[in-house]
């Protein structure tokens, strides 16, 4: 079953907008992100807890979407 993950991706130019990816587990999500952003650092990948969006976040495993204008923010359960 596909789950939604949110990711913090850092390119050589700086942080990317929020990225979502559909995968069955975090490890698989990291693989999809590494393939989609081979020159960038995957900083964080987490399940979004109560994060919601009306944007297209994909429907099947491997769907990676970048959400322009939305910055990464750790879910409240991970906030430091």
Protein backbone atom coordinates (compact mmCIF):
# COMPACT_ATOMS: atom_id res chain seq x y z
CA UNK A 1 0.00 0.00 0.00
CA UNK A 2 1.32 3.41 -0.97
CA UNK A 3 1.89 6.02 1.76
CA UNK A 4 2.63 9.71 1.45
CA UNK A 5 6.01 11.02 2.62
CA UNK A 6 7.27 14.60 2.72
CA UNK A 7 10.90 15.34 2.03
CA UNK A 8 13.44 18.06 2.66
CA UNK A 9 15.77 18.20 -0.35
CA UNK A 10 18.86 20.42 -0.54
CA UNK A 11 20.40 21.21 -3.92
CA UNK A 12 23.83 22.84 -4.42
CA UNK A 13 21.91 26.13 -4.88
CA UNK A 14 19.96 25.76 -1.62
CA UNK A 15 16.79 24.20 -0.24
CA UNK A 16 14.13 23.01 -2.66
CA UNK A 17 10.42 23.58 -2.06
CA UNK A 18 8.59 20.83 -0.19
CA UNK A 19 8.70 17.52 -2.05
CA UNK A 20 6.17 14.72 -1.64
CA UNK A 21 6.69 11.12 -2.67
CA UNK A 22 4.47 8.04 -2.66
CA UNK A 23 6.11 4.83 -1.44
CA UNK A 24 5.38 1.78 0.70
CA UNK A 25 8.11 2.63 3.25
CA UNK A 26 10.64 5.35 4.10
CA UNK A 27 13.56 3.43 2.59
CA UNK A 28 11.75 3.08 -0.70
CA UNK A 29 10.81 6.78 -0.60
CA UNK A 30 14.51 7.65 -0.21
CA UNK A 31 15.35 5.52 -3.26
CA UNK A 32 12.72 7.29 -5.39
CA UNK A 33 14.00 10.68 -4.21
CA UNK A 34 17.64 9.79 -4.87
CA UNK A 35 16.67 8.79 -8.41
CA UNK A 36 14.66 11.98 -8.96
CA UNK A 37 17.32 14.28 -7.44
CA UNK A 38 20.68 12.56 -8.10
CA UNK A 39 22.79 15.68 -7.45
CA UNK A 40 20.93 16.76 -4.31
CA UNK A 41 21.00 15.76 -0.65
CA UNK A 42 17.92 14.08 0.80
CA UNK A 43 17.96 15.70 4.26
CA UNK A 44 14.73 14.36 5.79
CA UNK A 45 11.95 11.99 4.77
CA UNK A 46 8.96 11.57 7.09
CA UNK A 47 5.30 10.67 7.10
CA UNK A 48 3.43 13.96 7.27
CA UNK A 49 1.23 13.17 10.32
CA UNK A 50 -1.51 15.83 10.11
CA UNK A 51 -0.18 17.70 7.04
CA UNK A 52 -2.80 18.10 4.35
CA UNK A 53 -2.69 19.55 0.88
CA UNK A 54 -5.08 20.24 -1.93
CA UNK A 55 -2.19 19.92 -4.41
CA UNK A 56 -1.52 16.81 -6.48
CA UNK A 57 0.63 14.48 -4.35
CA UNK A 58 0.48 11.55 -6.76
CA UNK A 59 -1.37 8.29 -6.46
CA UNK A 60 1.05 5.42 -7.01
CA UNK A 61 4.44 4.32 -5.75
CA UNK A 62 7.23 6.45 -7.17
CA UNK A 63 5.15 9.59 -7.73
CA UNK A 64 7.41 12.50 -6.75
CA UNK A 65 6.00 16.04 -6.67
CA UNK A 66 7.66 19.38 -5.89
CA UNK A 67 5.33 21.95 -4.30
CA UNK A 68 6.49 25.42 -5.34
CA UNK A 69 5.98 28.07 -2.68
CA UNK A 70 5.77 25.54 0.17
CA UNK A 71 8.78 25.33 2.47
CA UNK A 72 9.86 22.26 4.44
CA UNK A 73 8.66 22.23 8.02
CA UNK A 74 9.16 19.20 10.24
CA UNK A 75 5.90 17.60 11.42
CA UNK A 76 4.99 18.68 14.95
CA UNK A 77 5.91 15.23 16.25
CA UNK A 78 9.51 15.83 15.09
CA UNK A 79 9.87 19.53 15.92
CA UNK A 80 12.83 20.26 18.11
